[in-house]
């Protein structure tokens, strides 16, 4: 089964997750892909040169410490806060 659900971020709540869970058997593995309705130009086709320049810029940012990092526990806490399971 494959479906695309388009909803507002404000509509993401525990009831929405429960509704999705009710569609599948308890131990069934599912795949969830999240994307913004606006891609901010991220899905544009780029040339090989543009791709390499973007990768080099990312490497420089990492070298300068311009990164976002968190532990698995911090990630879990963020997810729980986002879905209302504090």
PDB file of N, CA and C in Angstrom:
ATOM      1  N   UNK A   1       0.841  -1.162   0.000  1.00  0.00           N
ATOM      2  CA  UNK A   1       0.000   0.000   0.000  1.00  0.00           C
ATOM      3  C   UNK A   1       0.893   1.233   0.000  1.00  0.00           C
ATOM      4  N   UNK A   2       0.544   2.202  -0.799  1.00  0.00           N
ATOM      5  CA  UNK A   2       1.269   3.469  -0.814  1.00  0.00           C
ATOM      6  C   UNK A   2       0.269   4.597  -0.926  1.00  0.00           C
ATOM      7  N   UNK A   3       0.470   5.626  -0.132  1.00  0.00           N
ATOM      8  CA  UNK A   3      -0.416   6.776  -0.185  1.00  0.00           C
ATOM      9  C   UNK A   3       0.365   8.035   0.134  1.00  0.00           C
ATOM     10  N   UNK A   4      -0.113   9.148  -0.345  1.00  0.00           N
ATOM     11  CA  UNK A   4       0.483  10.444  -0.047  1.00  0.00           C
ATOM     12  C   UNK A   4      -0.534  11.236   0.758  1.00  0.00           C
ATOM     13  N   UNK A   5      -0.125  11.705   1.920  1.00  0.00           N
ATOM     14  CA  UNK A   5      -0.993  12.501   2.775  1.00  0.00           C
ATOM     15  C   UNK A   5      -0.416  13.908   2.846  1.00  0.00           C
ATOM     16  N   UNK A   6      -1.202  14.887   2.487  1.00  0.00           N
ATOM     17  CA  UNK A   6      -0.756  16.276   2.579  1.00  0.00           C
ATOM     18  C   UNK A   6      -1.558  16.944   3.682  1.00  0.00           C
ATOM     19  N   UNK A   7      -0.855  17.363   4.733  1.00  0.00           N
ATOM     20  CA  UNK A   7      -1.527  17.988   5.869  1.00  0.00           C
ATOM     21  C   UNK A   7      -0.712  19.177   6.358  1.00  0.00           C
ATOM     22  N   UNK A   8      -1.362  20.008   7.136  1.00  0.00           N
ATOM     23  CA  UNK A   8      -0.679  21.141   7.749  1.00  0.00           C
ATOM     24  C   UNK A   8       0.103  20.643   8.958  1.00  0.00           C
ATOM     25  N   UNK A   9       1.230  21.276   9.228  1.00  0.00           N
ATOM     26  CA  UNK A   9       2.030  20.906  10.390  1.00  0.00           C
ATOM     27  C   UNK A   9       1.191  20.990  11.662  1.00  0.00           C
ATOM     28  N   UNK A  10       0.313  21.961  11.728  1.00  0.00           N
ATOM     29  CA  UNK A  10      -0.521  22.125  12.926  1.00  0.00           C
ATOM     30  C   UNK A  10      -1.474  20.948  13.140  1.00  0.00           C
ATOM     31  N   UNK A  11      -1.709  20.153  12.093  1.00  0.00           N
ATOM     32  CA  UNK A  11      -2.591  18.991  12.211  1.00  0.00           C
ATOM     33  C   UNK A  11      -1.854  17.722  12.628  1.00  0.00           C
ATOM     34  N   UNK A  12      -0.528  17.782  12.718  1.00  0.00           N
ATOM     35  CA  UNK A  12       0.241  16.620  13.170  1.00  0.00           C
ATOM     36  C   UNK A  12       0.078  16.490  14.677  1.00  0.00           C
ATOM     37  N   UNK A  13      -0.554  15.417  15.094  1.00  0.00           N
ATOM     38  CA  UNK A  13      -0.748  15.195  16.520  1.00  0.00           C
ATOM     39  C   UNK A  13      -0.817  13.696  16.787  1.00  0.00           C
ATOM     40  N   UNK A  14      -1.020  13.350  18.018  1.00  0.00           N
ATOM     41  CA  UNK A  14      -1.069  11.945  18.416  1.00  0.00           C
ATOM     42  C   UNK A  14      -2.195  11.214  17.695  1.00  0.00           C
ATOM     43  N   UNK A  15      -3.331  11.860  17.509  1.00  0.00           N
ATOM     44  CA  UNK A  15      -4.451  11.219  16.818  1.00  0.00           C
ATOM     45  C   UNK A  15      -4.081  10.860  15.380  1.00  0.00           C
ATOM     46  N   UNK A  16      -3.309  11.720  14.734  1.00  0.00           N
ATOM     47  CA  UNK A  16      -2.867  11.437  13.365  1.00  0.00           C
ATOM     48  C   UNK A  16      -1.982  10.187  13.343  1.00  0.00           C
ATOM     49  N   UNK A  17      -1.040  10.108  14.282  1.00  0.00           N
ATOM     50  CA  UNK A  17      -0.159   8.938  14.366  1.00  0.00           C
ATOM     51  C   UNK A  17      -0.978   7.681  14.652  1.00  0.00           C
ATOM     52  N   UNK A  18      -1.934   7.778  15.557  1.00  0.00           N
ATOM     53  CA  UNK A  18      -2.787   6.627  15.870  1.00  0.00           C
ATOM     54  C   UNK A  18      -3.570   6.176  14.641  1.00  0.00           C
ATOM     55  N   UNK A  19      -4.037   7.123  13.844  1.00  0.00           N
ATOM     56  CA  UNK A  19      -4.783   6.780  12.631  1.00  0.00           C
ATOM     57  C   UNK A  19      -3.897   6.026  11.651  1.00  0.00           C
ATOM     58  N   UNK A  20      -2.659   6.457  11.504  1.00  0.00           N
ATOM     59  CA  UNK A  20      -1.730   5.756  10.616  1.00  0.00           C
ATOM     60  C   UNK A  20      -1.455   4.358  11.159  1.00  0.00           C
ATOM     61  N   UNK A  21      -1.211   4.253  12.469  1.00  0.00           N
ATOM     62  CA  UNK A  21      -0.940   2.952  13.076  1.00  0.00           C
ATOM     63  C   UNK A  21      -2.104   1.985  12.883  1.00  0.00           C
ATOM     64  N   UNK A  22      -3.326   2.492  12.904  1.00  0.00           N
ATOM     65  CA  UNK A  22      -4.496   1.624  12.772  1.00  0.00           C
ATOM     66  C   UNK A  22      -4.612   1.008  11.379  1.00  0.00           C
ATOM     67  N   UNK A  23      -3.896   1.563  10.416  1.00  0.00           N
ATOM     68  CA  UNK A  23      -3.960   1.048   9.046  1.00  0.00           C
ATOM     69  C   UNK A  23      -3.111  -0.200   8.838  1.00  0.00           C
ATOM     70  N   UNK A  24      -2.221  -0.497   9.790  1.00  0.00           N
ATOM     71  CA  UNK A  24      -1.270  -1.586   9.608  1.00  0.00           C
ATOM     72  C   UNK A  24      -1.299  -2.543  10.792  1.00  0.00           C
ATOM     73  N   UNK A  25      -0.832  -3.770  10.533  1.00  0.00           N
ATOM     74  CA  UNK A  25      -0.697  -4.736  11.616  1.00  0.00           C
ATOM     75  C   UNK A  25       0.374  -4.238  12.583  1.00  0.00           C
ATOM     76  N   UNK A  26       0.258  -4.657  13.828  1.00  0.00           N
ATOM     77  CA  UNK A  26       1.099  -4.124  14.900  1.00  0.00           C
ATOM     78  C   UNK A  26       2.597  -4.195  14.608  1.00  0.00           C
ATOM     79  N   UNK A  27       3.081  -5.295  14.114  1.00  0.00           N
ATOM     80  CA  UNK A  27       4.516  -5.463  13.909  1.00  0.00           C
ATOM     81  C   UNK A  27       4.961  -5.168  12.479  1.00  0.00           C
ATOM     82  N   UNK A  28       4.100  -4.625  11.681  1.00  0.00           N
ATOM     83  CA  UNK A  28       4.435  -4.311  10.288  1.00  0.00           C
ATOM     84  C   UNK A  28       5.397  -3.130  10.251  1.00  0.00           C
ATOM     85  N   UNK A  29       6.418  -3.217   9.410  1.00  0.00           N
ATOM     86  CA  UNK A  29       7.340  -2.099   9.243  1.00  0.00           C
ATOM     87  C   UNK A  29       6.819  -1.198   8.134  1.00  0.00           C
ATOM     88  N   UNK A  30       6.820   0.112   8.386  1.00  0.00           N
ATOM     89  CA  UNK A  30       6.380   1.062   7.372  1.00  0.00           C
ATOM     90  C   UNK A  30       7.495   2.072   7.133  1.00  0.00           C
ATOM     91  N   UNK A  31       7.396   2.785   6.044  1.00  0.00           N
ATOM     92  CA  UNK A  31       8.360   3.833   5.721  1.00  0.00           C
ATOM     93  C   UNK A  31       7.614   5.155   5.658  1.00  0.00           C
ATOM     94  N   UNK A  32       8.128   6.146   6.355  1.00  0.00           N
ATOM     95  CA  UNK A  32       7.507   7.465   6.367  1.00  0.00           C
ATOM     96  C   UNK A  32       8.496   8.462   5.779  1.00  0.00           C
ATOM     97  N   UNK A  33       8.058   9.191   4.774  1.00  0.00           N
ATOM     98  CA  UNK A  33       8.866  10.237   4.159  1.00  0.00           C
ATOM     99  C   UNK A  33       8.194  11.567   4.425  1.00  0.00           C
ATOM    100  N   UNK A  34       8.953  12.518   4.917  1.00  0.00           N
ATOM    101  CA  UNK A  34       8.410  13.840   5.220  1.00  0.00           C
ATOM    102  C   UNK A  34       9.089  14.855   4.315  1.00  0.00           C
ATOM    103  N   UNK A  35       8.292  15.674   3.669  1.00  0.00           N
ATOM    104  CA  UNK A  35       8.850  16.739   2.840  1.00  0.00           C
ATOM    105  C   UNK A  35       7.964  17.962   2.942  1.00  0.00           C
ATOM    106  N   UNK A  36       8.552  19.093   2.696  1.00  0.00           N
ATOM    107  CA  UNK A  36       7.805  20.343   2.741  1.00  0.00           C
ATOM    108  C   UNK A  36       7.093  20.538   1.414  1.00  0.00           C
ATOM    109  N   UNK A  37       5.909  21.124   1.469  1.00  0.00           N
ATOM    110  CA  UNK A  37       5.196  21.436   0.230  1.00  0.00           C
ATOM    111  C   UNK A  37       6.011  22.420  -0.598  1.00  0.00           C
ATOM    112  N   UNK A  38       6.835  23.218   0.063  1.00  0.00           N
ATOM    113  CA  UNK A  38       7.754  24.122  -0.612  1.00  0.00           C
ATOM    114  C   UNK A  38       9.136  23.529  -0.465  1.00  0.00           C
ATOM    115  N   UNK A  39       9.809  23.303  -1.564  1.00  0.00           N
ATOM    116  CA  UNK A  39      11.119  22.656  -1.469  1.00  0.00           C
ATOM    117  C   UNK A  39      12.274  23.644  -1.352  1.00  0.00           C
ATOM    118  N   UNK A  40      11.986  24.930  -1.369  1.00  0.00           N
ATOM    119  CA  UNK A  40      13.004  25.962  -1.211  1.00  0.00           C
ATOM    120  C   UNK A  40      14.145  25.806  -2.215  1.00  0.00           C
ATOM    121  N   UNK A  41      13.827  25.243  -3.397  1.00  0.00           N
ATOM    122  CA  UNK A  41      14.836  25.079  -4.438  1.00  0.00           C
ATOM    123  C   UNK A  41      15.760  23.898  -4.228  1.00  0.00           C
ATOM    124  N   UNK A  42      15.479  23.076  -3.224  1.00  0.00           N
ATOM    125  CA  UNK A  42      16.370  21.959  -2.929  1.00  0.00           C
ATOM    126  C   UNK A  42      16.279  20.831  -3.950  1.00  0.00           C
ATOM    127  N   UNK A  43      15.182  20.773  -4.685  1.00  0.00           N
ATOM    128  CA  UNK A  43      15.006  19.687  -5.646  1.00  0.00           C
ATOM    129  C   UNK A  43      15.339  20.092  -7.073  1.00  0.00           C
ATOM    130  N   UNK A  44      16.005  21.224  -7.231  1.00  0.00           N
ATOM    131  CA  UNK A  44      16.353  21.657  -8.580  1.00  0.00           C
ATOM    132  C   UNK A  44      17.465  20.773  -9.127  1.00  0.00           C
ATOM    133  N   UNK A  45      17.475  20.617 -10.419  1.00  0.00           N
ATOM    134  CA  UNK A  45      18.531  19.849 -11.059  1.00  0.00           C
ATOM    135  C   UNK A  45      19.804  20.679 -11.032  1.00  0.00           C
ATOM    136  N   UNK A  46      20.900  20.062 -10.644  1.00  0.00           N
ATOM    137  CA  UNK A  46      22.155  20.794 -10.602  1.00  0.00           C
ATOM    138  C   UNK A  46      23.190  20.107 -11.474  1.00  0.00           C
ATOM    139  N   UNK A  47      24.109  20.904 -11.976  1.00  0.00           N
ATOM    140  CA  UNK A  47      25.181  20.356 -12.800  1.00  0.00           C
ATOM    141  C   UNK A  47      26.194  19.667 -11.897  1.00  0.00           C
ATOM    142  N   UNK A  48      27.091  18.918 -12.502  1.00  0.00           N
ATOM    143  CA  UNK A  48      28.138  18.253 -11.735  1.00  0.00           C
ATOM    144  C   UNK A  48      28.982  19.293 -10.994  1.00  0.00           C
ATOM    145  N   UNK A  49      29.266  20.410 -11.659  1.00  0.00           N
ATOM    146  CA  UNK A  49      30.068  21.469 -11.047  1.00  0.00           C
ATOM    147  C   UNK A  49      29.343  22.083  -9.842  1.00  0.00           C
ATOM    148  N   UNK A  50      28.036  22.326  -9.985  1.00  0.00           N
ATOM    149  CA  UNK A  50      27.248  22.874  -8.876  1.00  0.00           C
ATOM    150  C   UNK A  50      27.211  21.899  -7.701  1.00  0.00           C
ATOM    151  N   UNK A  51      27.079  20.609  -8.022  1.00  0.00           N
ATOM    152  CA  UNK A  51      27.055  19.572  -6.993  1.00  0.00           C
ATOM    153  C   UNK A  51      28.372  19.557  -6.226  1.00  0.00           C
ATOM    154  N   UNK A  52      29.479  19.563  -6.955  1.00  0.00           N
ATOM    155  CA  UNK A  52      30.800  19.533  -6.316  1.00  0.00           C
ATOM    156  C   UNK A  52      31.010  20.786  -5.469  1.00  0.00           C
ATOM    157  N   UNK A  53      30.583  21.950  -5.973  1.00  0.00           N
ATOM    158  CA  UNK A  53      30.710  23.198  -5.210  1.00  0.00           C
ATOM    159  C   UNK A  53      29.895  23.123  -3.923  1.00  0.00           C
ATOM    160  N   UNK A  54      28.700  22.543  -3.993  1.00  0.00           N
ATOM    161  CA  UNK A  54      27.848  22.415  -2.806  1.00  0.00           C
ATOM    162  C   UNK A  54      28.490  21.491  -1.771  1.00  0.00           C
ATOM    163  N   UNK A  55      29.071  20.384  -2.247  1.00  0.00           N
ATOM    164  CA  UNK A  55      29.734  19.443  -1.337  1.00  0.00           C
ATOM    165  C   UNK A  55      30.946  20.104  -0.684  1.00  0.00           C
ATOM    166  N   UNK A  56      31.734  20.840  -1.487  1.00  0.00           N
ATOM    167  CA  UNK A  56      32.914  21.523  -0.935  1.00  0.00           C
ATOM    168  C   UNK A  56      32.505  22.555   0.114  1.00  0.00           C
ATOM    169  N   UNK A  57      31.407  23.267  -0.135  1.00  0.00           N
ATOM    170  CA  UNK A  57      30.909  24.251   0.829  1.00  0.00           C
ATOM    171  C   UNK A  57      30.500  23.552   2.125  1.00  0.00           C
ATOM    172  N   UNK A  58      29.838  22.401   1.999  1.00  0.00           N
ATOM    173  CA  UNK A  58      29.426  21.640   3.183  1.00  0.00           C
ATOM    174  C   UNK A  58      30.643  21.178   3.977  1.00  0.00           C
ATOM    175  N   UNK A  59      31.673  20.731   3.281  1.00  0.00           N
ATOM    176  CA  UNK A  59      32.899  20.278   3.949  1.00  0.00           C
ATOM    177  C   UNK A  59      33.545  21.439   4.702  1.00  0.00           C
ATOM    178  N   UNK A  60      33.577  22.626   4.075  1.00  0.00           N
ATOM    179  CA  UNK A  60      34.131  23.812   4.746  1.00  0.00           C
ATOM    180  C   UNK A  60      33.322  24.151   5.999  1.00  0.00           C
ATOM    181  N   UNK A  61      32.000  24.065   5.899  1.00  0.00           N
ATOM    182  CA  UNK A  61      31.153  24.354   7.058  1.00  0.00           C
ATOM    183  C   UNK A  61      31.432  23.395   8.203  1.00  0.00           C
ATOM    184  N   UNK A  62      31.601  22.128   7.889  1.00  0.00           N
ATOM    185  CA  UNK A  62      31.921  21.144   8.924  1.00  0.00           C
ATOM    186  C   UNK A  62      33.273  21.476   9.540  1.00  0.00           C
ATOM    187  N   UNK A  63      34.245  21.830   8.692  1.00  0.00           N
ATOM    188  CA  UNK A  63      35.572  22.200   9.183  1.00  0.00           C
ATOM    189  C   UNK A  63      35.550  23.404  10.104  1.00  0.00           C
ATOM    190  N   UNK A  64      34.627  24.334   9.867  1.00  0.00           N
ATOM    191  CA  UNK A  64      34.493  25.533  10.703  1.00  0.00           C
ATOM    192  C   UNK A  64      33.643  25.276  11.946  1.00  0.00           C
ATOM    193  N   UNK A  65      33.082  24.088  12.040  1.00  0.00           N
ATOM    194  CA  UNK A  65      32.230  23.771  13.187  1.00  0.00           C
ATOM    195  C   UNK A  65      30.794  24.224  13.020  1.00  0.00           C
ATOM    196  N   UNK A  66      30.416  24.605  11.813  1.00  0.00           N
ATOM    197  CA  UNK A  66      29.033  25.018  11.536  1.00  0.00           C
ATOM    198  C   UNK A  66      28.168  23.784  11.306  1.00  0.00           C
ATOM    199  N   UNK A  67      27.854  23.088  12.395  1.00  0.00           N
ATOM    200  CA  UNK A  67      27.083  21.854  12.310  1.00  0.00           C
ATOM    201  C   UNK A  67      26.018  21.830  13.398  1.00  0.00           C
ATOM    202  N   UNK A  68      25.064  20.959  13.222  1.00  0.00           N
ATOM    203  CA  UNK A  68      24.067  20.698  14.254  1.00  0.00           C
ATOM    204  C   UNK A  68      24.262  19.249  14.670  1.00  0.00           C
ATOM    205  N   UNK A  69      24.490  19.036  15.951  1.00  0.00           N
ATOM    206  CA  UNK A  69      24.722  17.678  16.439  1.00  0.00           C
ATOM    207  C   UNK A  69      23.891  17.444  17.692  1.00  0.00           C
ATOM    208  N   UNK A  70      23.450  16.199  17.858  1.00  0.00           N
ATOM    209  CA  UNK A  70      22.684  15.839  19.040  1.00  0.00           C
ATOM    210  C   UNK A  70      22.828  14.348  19.273  1.00  0.00           C
ATOM    211  N   UNK A  71      22.607  13.952  20.522  1.00  0.00           N
ATOM    212  CA  UNK A  71      22.689  12.539  20.874  1.00  0.00           C
ATOM    213  C   UNK A  71      21.389  11.840  20.480  1.00  0.00           C
ATOM    214  N   UNK A  72      21.418  10.533  20.540  1.00  0.00           N
ATOM    215  CA  UNK A  72      20.207   9.757  20.261  1.00  0.00           C
ATOM    216  C   UNK A  72      19.110  10.108  21.267  1.00  0.00           C
ATOM    217  N   UNK A  73      19.504  10.307  22.518  1.00  0.00           N
ATOM    218  CA  UNK A  73      18.531  10.654  23.552  1.00  0.00           C
ATOM    219  C   UNK A  73      17.901  12.019  23.282  1.00  0.00           C
ATOM    220  N   UNK A  74      18.725  12.991  22.853  1.00  0.00           N
ATOM    221  CA  UNK A  74      18.200  14.319  22.522  1.00  0.00           C
ATOM    222  C   UNK A  74      17.244  14.245  21.339  1.00  0.00           C
ATOM    223  N   UNK A  75      17.580  13.402  20.359  1.00  0.00           N
ATOM    224  CA  UNK A  75      16.718  13.218  19.190  1.00  0.00           C
ATOM    225  C   UNK A  75      15.384  12.607  19.606  1.00  0.00           C
ATOM    226  N   UNK A  76      15.432  11.592  20.458  1.00  0.00           N
ATOM    227  CA  UNK A  76      14.199  10.963  20.943  1.00  0.00           C
ATOM    228  C   UNK A  76      13.337  11.963  21.710  1.00  0.00           C
ATOM    229  N   UNK A  77      13.980  12.773  22.562  1.00  0.00           N
ATOM    230  CA  UNK A  77      13.240  13.775  23.338  1.00  0.00           C
ATOM    231  C   UNK A  77      12.571  14.786  22.411  1.00  0.00           C
ATOM    232  N   UNK A  78      13.290  15.242  21.396  1.00  0.00           N
ATOM    233  CA  UNK A  78      12.720  16.185  20.436  1.00  0.00           C
ATOM    234  C   UNK A  78      11.506  15.577  19.747  1.00  0.00           C
ATOM    235  N   UNK A  79      11.627  14.333  19.299  1.00  0.00           N
ATOM    236  CA  UNK A  79      10.508  13.671  18.632  1.00  0.00           C
ATOM    237  C   UNK A  79       9.310  13.533  19.558  1.00  0.00           C
ATOM    238  N   UNK A  80       9.549  13.151  20.790  1.00  0.00           N
ATOM    239  CA  UNK A  80       8.445  13.017  21.746  1.00  0.00           C
ATOM    240  C   UNK A  80       7.764  14.355  21.976  1.00  0.00           C
ATOM    241  N   UNK A  81       8.542  15.421  22.072  1.00  0.00           N
ATOM    242  CA  UNK A  81       7.961  16.756  22.247  1.00  0.00           C
ATOM    243  C   UNK A  81       7.149  17.165  21.022  1.00  0.00           C
ATOM    244  N   UNK A  82       7.634  16.809  19.850  1.00  0.00           N
ATOM    245  CA  UNK A  82       6.935  17.186  18.624  1.00  0.00           C
ATOM    246  C   UNK A  82       5.592  16.484  18.482  1.00  0.00           C
ATOM    247  N   UNK A  83       5.505  15.239  18.973  1.00  0.00           N
ATOM    248  CA  UNK A  83       4.236  14.516  18.835  1.00  0.00           C
ATOM    249  C   UNK A  83       3.400  14.566  20.110  1.00  0.00           C
ATOM    250  N   UNK A  84       3.880  15.293  21.101  1.00  0.00           N
ATOM    251  CA  UNK A  84       3.073  15.502  22.303  1.00  0.00           C
ATOM    252  C   UNK A  84       3.224  14.465  23.382  1.00  0.00           C
ATOM    253  N   UNK A  85       4.219  13.592  23.305  1.00  0.00           N
ATOM    254  CA  UNK A  85       4.450  12.580  24.348  1.00  0.00           C
ATOM    255  C   UNK A  85       5.595  13.028  25.242  1.00  0.00           C
ATOM    256  N   UNK A  86       5.382  14.045  26.022  1.00  0.00           N
ATOM    257  CA  UNK A  86       6.463  14.632  26.833  1.00  0.00           C
ATOM    258  C   UNK A  86       6.803  13.758  27.959  1.00  0.00           C
TER     259      UNK A  86
END
